[in-house]
N, C-alpha and C. Protein backbone atom coordinates (compact mmCIF):
# COMPACT_ATOMS: atom_id res chain seq x y z
N MET A 1 51.51 -3.96 55.27
CA MET A 1 50.83 -3.40 56.31
C MET A 1 49.50 -3.98 56.46
N THR A 2 49.06 -4.18 57.69
CA THR A 2 47.78 -4.65 57.98
C THR A 2 46.77 -3.53 58.15
N HIS A 3 45.51 -3.80 58.09
CA HIS A 3 44.66 -2.68 58.22
C HIS A 3 43.49 -3.14 59.23
N ARG A 4 42.88 -2.08 59.72
CA ARG A 4 41.77 -2.18 60.69
C ARG A 4 40.70 -1.42 60.08
N PRO A 5 39.75 -2.12 59.31
CA PRO A 5 38.73 -1.29 58.52
C PRO A 5 37.71 -0.62 59.45
N GLU A 6 37.22 0.51 58.90
CA GLU A 6 36.11 1.19 59.53
C GLU A 6 34.98 1.04 58.50
N ARG A 7 33.76 1.07 59.05
CA ARG A 7 32.62 0.90 58.12
C ARG A 7 31.79 2.12 58.02
N ARG A 8 31.30 2.40 56.89
CA ARG A 8 30.41 3.48 56.59
C ARG A 8 29.10 2.95 55.97
N PRO A 9 27.93 3.42 56.37
CA PRO A 9 26.74 2.99 55.64
C PRO A 9 26.64 3.44 54.29
N PHE A 10 26.02 2.69 53.42
CA PHE A 10 25.71 2.97 52.05
C PHE A 10 24.30 2.54 51.75
N THR A 11 23.47 3.51 51.58
CA THR A 11 22.01 3.31 51.40
C THR A 11 21.82 3.09 49.84
N THR A 12 21.32 1.96 49.47
CA THR A 12 20.99 1.79 48.02
C THR A 12 19.72 2.56 47.70
N ARG A 13 19.62 2.94 46.42
CA ARG A 13 18.56 3.78 45.88
C ARG A 13 17.79 3.00 44.83
N TRP A 14 16.57 3.47 44.64
CA TRP A 14 15.70 2.84 43.64
C TRP A 14 16.37 2.59 42.29
N ASN A 15 17.07 3.71 41.81
CA ASN A 15 17.64 3.64 40.49
C ASN A 15 19.00 2.93 40.43
N ASP A 16 19.55 2.37 41.57
CA ASP A 16 20.73 1.55 41.60
C ASP A 16 20.57 0.27 40.95
N ASN A 17 19.35 -0.32 40.96
CA ASN A 17 19.15 -1.68 40.28
C ASN A 17 19.16 -1.51 38.84
N ASP A 18 19.78 -2.47 38.19
CA ASP A 18 19.86 -2.52 36.72
C ASP A 18 18.81 -3.39 36.19
N GLN A 19 18.79 -3.56 34.90
CA GLN A 19 17.72 -4.34 34.32
C GLN A 19 17.61 -5.77 34.73
N TYR A 20 18.67 -6.27 35.38
CA TYR A 20 18.66 -7.67 35.91
C TYR A 20 18.16 -7.70 37.31
N GLY A 21 17.86 -6.55 37.93
CA GLY A 21 17.31 -6.63 39.26
C GLY A 21 18.22 -6.53 40.41
N HIS A 22 19.59 -6.19 40.09
CA HIS A 22 20.58 -6.12 41.18
C HIS A 22 21.33 -4.81 40.96
N VAL A 23 21.95 -4.44 42.10
CA VAL A 23 22.77 -3.18 42.07
C VAL A 23 23.83 -3.25 41.01
N ASN A 24 23.82 -2.32 40.12
CA ASN A 24 24.72 -2.23 39.02
C ASN A 24 26.16 -2.08 39.52
N ASN A 25 27.17 -2.68 38.76
CA ASN A 25 28.56 -2.66 39.18
C ASN A 25 29.10 -1.28 39.42
N THR A 26 28.64 -0.28 38.60
CA THR A 26 29.17 1.08 38.73
C THR A 26 28.83 1.66 40.08
N VAL A 27 27.77 1.25 40.65
CA VAL A 27 27.30 1.73 41.97
C VAL A 27 28.33 1.33 43.04
N TYR A 28 28.90 0.15 42.92
CA TYR A 28 29.91 -0.26 43.93
C TYR A 28 31.11 0.74 43.90
N TYR A 29 31.56 1.11 42.72
CA TYR A 29 32.60 2.03 42.57
C TYR A 29 32.30 3.42 43.17
N GLU A 30 31.04 3.85 42.96
CA GLU A 30 30.61 5.09 43.45
C GLU A 30 30.55 4.99 45.04
N ALA A 31 30.09 3.90 45.52
CA ALA A 31 29.98 3.73 47.02
C ALA A 31 31.42 3.79 47.63
N MET A 32 32.33 3.09 47.02
CA MET A 32 33.74 3.06 47.54
C MET A 32 34.35 4.42 47.55
N ASP A 33 34.24 5.12 46.37
CA ASP A 33 34.84 6.49 46.18
C ASP A 33 34.22 7.45 47.17
N THR A 34 32.94 7.45 47.26
CA THR A 34 32.23 8.30 48.24
C THR A 34 32.67 8.08 49.66
N ALA A 35 32.71 6.78 50.05
CA ALA A 35 33.19 6.37 51.43
C ALA A 35 34.52 6.88 51.72
N VAL A 36 35.51 6.70 50.82
CA VAL A 36 36.83 7.07 51.12
C VAL A 36 37.03 8.57 51.26
N ASN A 37 36.40 9.29 50.28
CA ASN A 37 36.55 10.76 50.28
C ASN A 37 35.74 11.34 51.49
N THR A 38 34.58 10.79 51.81
CA THR A 38 33.92 11.33 52.99
C THR A 38 34.72 10.97 54.26
N TRP A 39 35.37 9.85 54.30
CA TRP A 39 36.27 9.54 55.45
C TRP A 39 37.34 10.57 55.57
N MET A 40 38.05 10.91 54.48
CA MET A 40 39.15 11.85 54.50
C MET A 40 38.66 13.27 54.87
N ILE A 41 37.47 13.65 54.44
CA ILE A 41 36.90 14.93 54.69
C ILE A 41 36.58 15.05 56.19
N GLU A 42 35.87 14.02 56.74
CA GLU A 42 35.41 14.05 58.06
C GLU A 42 36.55 13.83 59.12
N HIS A 43 37.51 12.89 58.84
CA HIS A 43 38.53 12.59 59.79
C HIS A 43 39.89 13.11 59.58
N ALA A 44 40.23 13.49 58.35
CA ALA A 44 41.59 13.84 58.09
C ALA A 44 41.69 15.24 57.43
N GLY A 45 40.71 16.06 57.43
CA GLY A 45 40.80 17.42 57.02
C GLY A 45 40.95 17.60 55.54
N LEU A 46 40.71 16.70 54.69
CA LEU A 46 40.66 16.90 53.25
C LEU A 46 39.71 18.00 52.87
N ASP A 47 40.17 19.01 52.11
CA ASP A 47 39.29 20.07 51.60
C ASP A 47 39.40 20.01 49.99
N PRO A 48 38.50 19.31 49.42
CA PRO A 48 38.53 19.12 47.92
C PRO A 48 38.34 20.39 47.17
N HIS A 49 37.91 21.49 47.81
CA HIS A 49 37.70 22.70 47.17
C HIS A 49 38.73 23.78 47.49
N GLY A 50 39.73 23.40 48.31
CA GLY A 50 40.74 24.34 48.70
C GLY A 50 41.92 24.26 47.83
N ASP A 51 43.02 24.89 48.34
CA ASP A 51 44.28 24.88 47.51
C ASP A 51 45.28 23.88 48.05
N GLU A 52 44.91 23.05 49.00
CA GLU A 52 45.72 22.03 49.56
C GLU A 52 45.82 20.80 48.56
N PRO A 53 46.75 19.96 48.79
CA PRO A 53 46.89 18.75 47.95
C PRO A 53 45.59 17.98 47.93
N ILE A 54 45.30 17.30 46.84
CA ILE A 54 44.08 16.49 46.62
C ILE A 54 44.47 15.09 46.22
N GLY A 55 43.61 14.14 46.49
CA GLY A 55 43.94 12.74 46.05
C GLY A 55 43.21 12.42 44.80
N LEU A 56 43.94 12.03 43.71
CA LEU A 56 43.39 11.63 42.49
C LEU A 56 43.47 10.05 42.38
N VAL A 57 42.38 9.49 41.94
CA VAL A 57 42.37 8.02 41.71
C VAL A 57 43.11 7.67 40.46
N VAL A 58 44.21 6.81 40.61
CA VAL A 58 44.97 6.49 39.36
C VAL A 58 44.68 5.04 39.02
N SER A 59 44.06 4.27 39.94
CA SER A 59 43.82 2.91 39.65
C SER A 59 42.68 2.45 40.56
N SER A 60 41.84 1.57 40.02
CA SER A 60 40.75 0.98 40.85
C SER A 60 40.33 -0.35 40.26
N ASN A 61 39.82 -1.23 41.11
CA ASN A 61 39.31 -2.50 40.67
C ASN A 61 38.26 -2.99 41.70
N CYS A 62 37.47 -3.94 41.26
CA CYS A 62 36.48 -4.59 42.17
C CYS A 62 36.16 -5.99 41.69
N GLU A 63 36.12 -6.86 42.69
CA GLU A 63 35.68 -8.22 42.41
C GLU A 63 34.39 -8.47 43.09
N PHE A 64 33.39 -8.98 42.34
CA PHE A 64 32.10 -9.15 42.80
C PHE A 64 31.81 -10.59 43.17
N ARG A 65 31.33 -10.83 44.40
CA ARG A 65 31.10 -12.15 44.95
C ARG A 65 29.64 -12.57 45.13
N ALA A 66 28.85 -11.53 45.31
CA ALA A 66 27.36 -11.88 45.45
C ALA A 66 26.67 -10.54 45.08
N SER A 67 25.40 -10.59 44.66
CA SER A 67 24.68 -9.48 44.29
C SER A 67 23.80 -8.86 45.48
N ALA A 68 23.36 -7.69 45.37
CA ALA A 68 22.48 -6.99 46.25
C ALA A 68 21.50 -6.18 45.40
N SER A 69 20.38 -5.90 45.99
CA SER A 69 19.28 -5.21 45.38
C SER A 69 18.72 -4.14 46.25
N PHE A 70 18.20 -3.11 45.68
CA PHE A 70 17.44 -2.10 46.41
C PHE A 70 16.15 -2.78 47.06
N PRO A 71 15.92 -2.55 48.25
CA PRO A 71 16.36 -1.53 49.19
C PRO A 71 17.35 -1.99 50.20
N GLU A 72 18.22 -3.02 49.92
CA GLU A 72 19.13 -3.50 50.93
C GLU A 72 20.16 -2.47 51.42
N PRO A 73 20.27 -2.37 52.74
CA PRO A 73 21.22 -1.51 53.32
C PRO A 73 22.65 -2.15 53.24
N LEU A 74 23.64 -1.44 52.72
CA LEU A 74 24.98 -1.89 52.60
C LEU A 74 25.88 -1.01 53.42
N GLU A 75 27.12 -1.58 53.57
CA GLU A 75 28.27 -0.81 54.29
C GLU A 75 29.44 -0.92 53.43
N VAL A 76 30.34 0.08 53.56
CA VAL A 76 31.61 0.01 52.86
C VAL A 76 32.65 -0.03 53.99
N ALA A 77 33.47 -1.05 53.94
CA ALA A 77 34.53 -1.16 54.96
C ALA A 77 35.76 -0.59 54.30
N ILE A 78 36.40 0.39 55.07
CA ILE A 78 37.54 1.18 54.51
C ILE A 78 38.75 0.71 55.29
N GLY A 79 39.82 0.23 54.61
CA GLY A 79 41.09 -0.08 55.14
C GLY A 79 42.16 0.40 54.22
N VAL A 80 43.44 0.23 54.67
CA VAL A 80 44.54 0.63 53.91
C VAL A 80 45.48 -0.54 53.70
N GLU A 81 45.72 -0.80 52.41
CA GLU A 81 46.64 -1.86 52.02
C GLU A 81 48.08 -1.42 51.99
N ARG A 82 48.25 -0.17 51.55
CA ARG A 82 49.60 0.32 51.51
C ARG A 82 49.59 1.83 51.62
N LEU A 83 50.51 2.35 52.55
CA LEU A 83 50.69 3.79 52.75
C LEU A 83 52.04 4.25 52.21
N GLY A 84 52.15 4.90 51.11
CA GLY A 84 53.33 5.32 50.58
C GLY A 84 53.72 6.64 50.85
N SER A 85 54.64 7.27 50.13
CA SER A 85 55.01 8.67 50.51
C SER A 85 54.01 9.68 49.82
N SER A 86 53.50 9.35 48.65
CA SER A 86 52.56 10.23 48.01
C SER A 86 51.26 9.50 47.56
N SER A 87 51.12 8.29 48.00
CA SER A 87 49.89 7.52 47.55
C SER A 87 49.44 6.59 48.70
N ILE A 88 48.07 6.35 48.64
CA ILE A 88 47.44 5.40 49.50
C ILE A 88 46.72 4.37 48.67
N THR A 89 46.91 3.14 48.95
CA THR A 89 46.16 2.07 48.33
C THR A 89 45.03 1.62 49.32
N TRP A 90 43.89 1.90 49.04
CA TRP A 90 42.73 1.67 49.92
C TRP A 90 42.27 0.26 49.66
N SER A 91 41.98 -0.46 50.73
CA SER A 91 41.37 -1.86 50.56
C SER A 91 39.94 -1.66 51.05
N LEU A 92 38.92 -2.00 50.20
CA LEU A 92 37.61 -1.73 50.41
C LEU A 92 36.71 -2.93 50.28
N GLY A 93 35.67 -3.08 51.11
CA GLY A 93 34.77 -4.19 51.02
C GLY A 93 33.34 -3.62 51.01
N ILE A 94 32.43 -4.16 50.23
CA ILE A 94 31.04 -3.91 50.32
C ILE A 94 30.36 -5.05 51.04
N HIS A 95 29.70 -4.74 52.13
CA HIS A 95 29.08 -5.73 52.95
C HIS A 95 27.54 -5.43 53.08
N ARG A 96 26.82 -6.56 53.21
CA ARG A 96 25.42 -6.37 53.64
C ARG A 96 25.58 -5.86 55.05
N SER A 97 24.68 -5.00 55.47
CA SER A 97 24.70 -4.37 56.83
C SER A 97 24.83 -5.42 57.93
N GLY A 98 26.00 -5.25 58.66
CA GLY A 98 26.21 -6.09 59.84
C GLY A 98 26.80 -7.49 59.50
N GLU A 99 27.05 -7.75 58.27
CA GLU A 99 27.61 -9.12 57.90
C GLU A 99 29.20 -8.96 57.81
N ALA A 100 29.85 -10.14 58.13
CA ALA A 100 31.32 -10.12 58.10
C ALA A 100 31.84 -10.34 56.65
N GLU A 101 31.27 -11.14 55.85
CA GLU A 101 31.82 -11.49 54.52
C GLU A 101 31.41 -10.43 53.51
N PRO A 102 32.35 -9.88 52.78
CA PRO A 102 31.99 -8.92 51.74
C PRO A 102 31.26 -9.52 50.56
N ILE A 103 30.38 -8.78 49.97
CA ILE A 103 29.83 -9.25 48.69
C ILE A 103 30.61 -8.71 47.50
N ALA A 104 31.51 -7.67 47.71
CA ALA A 104 32.39 -7.21 46.74
C ALA A 104 33.61 -6.66 47.46
N GLU A 105 34.80 -6.89 46.81
CA GLU A 105 36.02 -6.38 47.34
C GLU A 105 36.81 -5.48 46.31
N GLY A 106 37.14 -4.30 46.74
CA GLY A 106 37.78 -3.35 45.83
C GLY A 106 39.05 -2.77 46.29
N ARG A 107 39.66 -2.02 45.43
CA ARG A 107 40.91 -1.28 45.68
C ARG A 107 40.93 0.01 44.88
N PHE A 108 41.27 1.03 45.59
CA PHE A 108 41.46 2.30 44.95
C PHE A 108 42.92 2.81 45.28
N VAL A 109 43.59 3.41 44.34
CA VAL A 109 44.86 4.00 44.68
C VAL A 109 44.72 5.51 44.40
N HIS A 110 44.91 6.26 45.53
CA HIS A 110 44.94 7.75 45.42
C HIS A 110 46.41 8.17 45.38
N VAL A 111 46.76 9.02 44.42
CA VAL A 111 47.97 9.79 44.45
C VAL A 111 47.72 11.14 44.79
N PHE A 112 48.35 11.72 45.79
CA PHE A 112 48.21 13.11 46.25
C PHE A 112 48.98 13.99 45.27
N VAL A 113 48.31 15.09 44.87
CA VAL A 113 48.88 16.05 43.92
C VAL A 113 48.59 17.44 44.43
N ASP A 114 49.49 18.34 43.97
CA ASP A 114 49.16 19.77 44.17
C ASP A 114 47.91 20.09 43.40
N ALA A 115 47.04 20.81 44.03
CA ALA A 115 45.68 21.13 43.48
C ALA A 115 45.83 21.95 42.22
N GLY A 116 46.81 22.68 42.09
CA GLY A 116 47.06 23.59 40.86
C GLY A 116 47.85 22.95 39.75
N SER A 117 48.90 22.42 40.10
CA SER A 117 49.90 21.84 39.12
C SER A 117 49.55 20.42 38.69
N ARG A 118 48.88 19.71 39.64
CA ARG A 118 48.58 18.32 39.48
C ARG A 118 49.84 17.35 39.47
N ARG A 119 50.91 17.93 40.07
CA ARG A 119 52.15 17.12 40.27
C ARG A 119 52.12 16.38 41.63
N PRO A 120 52.68 15.13 41.67
CA PRO A 120 52.64 14.48 43.00
C PRO A 120 53.35 15.15 44.11
N VAL A 121 52.75 15.07 45.30
CA VAL A 121 53.28 15.68 46.54
C VAL A 121 53.15 14.69 47.67
N PRO A 122 53.95 14.85 48.75
CA PRO A 122 53.73 13.96 49.86
C PRO A 122 52.28 14.00 50.47
N ILE A 123 51.82 12.88 50.92
CA ILE A 123 50.50 12.73 51.51
C ILE A 123 50.45 13.87 52.67
N PRO A 124 49.42 14.66 52.60
CA PRO A 124 49.27 15.72 53.67
C PRO A 124 49.37 15.04 55.06
N ALA A 125 50.03 15.82 55.97
CA ALA A 125 50.36 15.27 57.36
C ALA A 125 49.06 14.82 58.08
N GLY A 126 48.01 15.72 57.98
CA GLY A 126 46.73 15.31 58.64
C GLY A 126 46.16 14.02 58.10
N ILE A 127 46.22 13.85 56.84
CA ILE A 127 45.66 12.55 56.35
C ILE A 127 46.61 11.36 56.73
N ARG A 128 47.87 11.55 56.55
CA ARG A 128 48.77 10.44 56.98
C ARG A 128 48.58 10.08 58.44
N SER A 129 48.54 11.05 59.28
CA SER A 129 48.38 10.74 60.72
C SER A 129 47.11 10.10 61.11
N GLU A 130 45.96 10.43 60.45
CA GLU A 130 44.66 9.81 60.70
C GLU A 130 44.65 8.42 60.15
N VAL A 131 45.24 8.19 59.04
CA VAL A 131 45.33 6.81 58.45
C VAL A 131 46.14 5.97 59.39
N GLU A 132 47.26 6.42 59.86
CA GLU A 132 48.08 5.70 60.71
C GLU A 132 47.35 5.36 62.07
N ALA A 133 46.70 6.35 62.59
CA ALA A 133 46.00 6.20 63.89
C ALA A 133 44.77 5.37 63.79
N ARG A 134 43.96 5.54 62.73
CA ARG A 134 42.67 4.97 62.74
C ARG A 134 42.54 3.68 61.89
N LEU A 135 43.44 3.48 60.82
CA LEU A 135 43.23 2.32 59.96
C LEU A 135 44.39 1.40 59.89
N LEU A 136 45.52 1.73 60.41
CA LEU A 136 46.66 0.84 60.38
C LEU A 136 46.87 0.26 61.79
N ALA A 137 47.14 -1.06 61.87
CA ALA A 137 47.39 -1.75 63.15
C ALA A 137 48.76 -1.45 63.61
């Protein structure tokens, strides 16, 4: 599947810089996780506190290409690499604001599970339809 990414701003914070003066690698994971979950809440009706299915991250990775430092404004590009029956593989990029080339590229795999039993379930219809309409070509 191809994807058509949407971008979300990510504001770096003073404490994001590590002892080497650049945004620490863990912050990139936080930015990607926050961007995806915020996107699902705002556009696809995800209610992380309800009794509907939730998405759990079962795999993640990130390749770092260049560094950033506070107070640089960054953006997270959200796309979909694979849409399965109970999982979504998100394709994510960290970009300097307005720039085409990512400074980091990541991937998260969400498996949707029943909120109570934590057993896999189909991707909720609202999330699937928004991913298909907004992120897939």
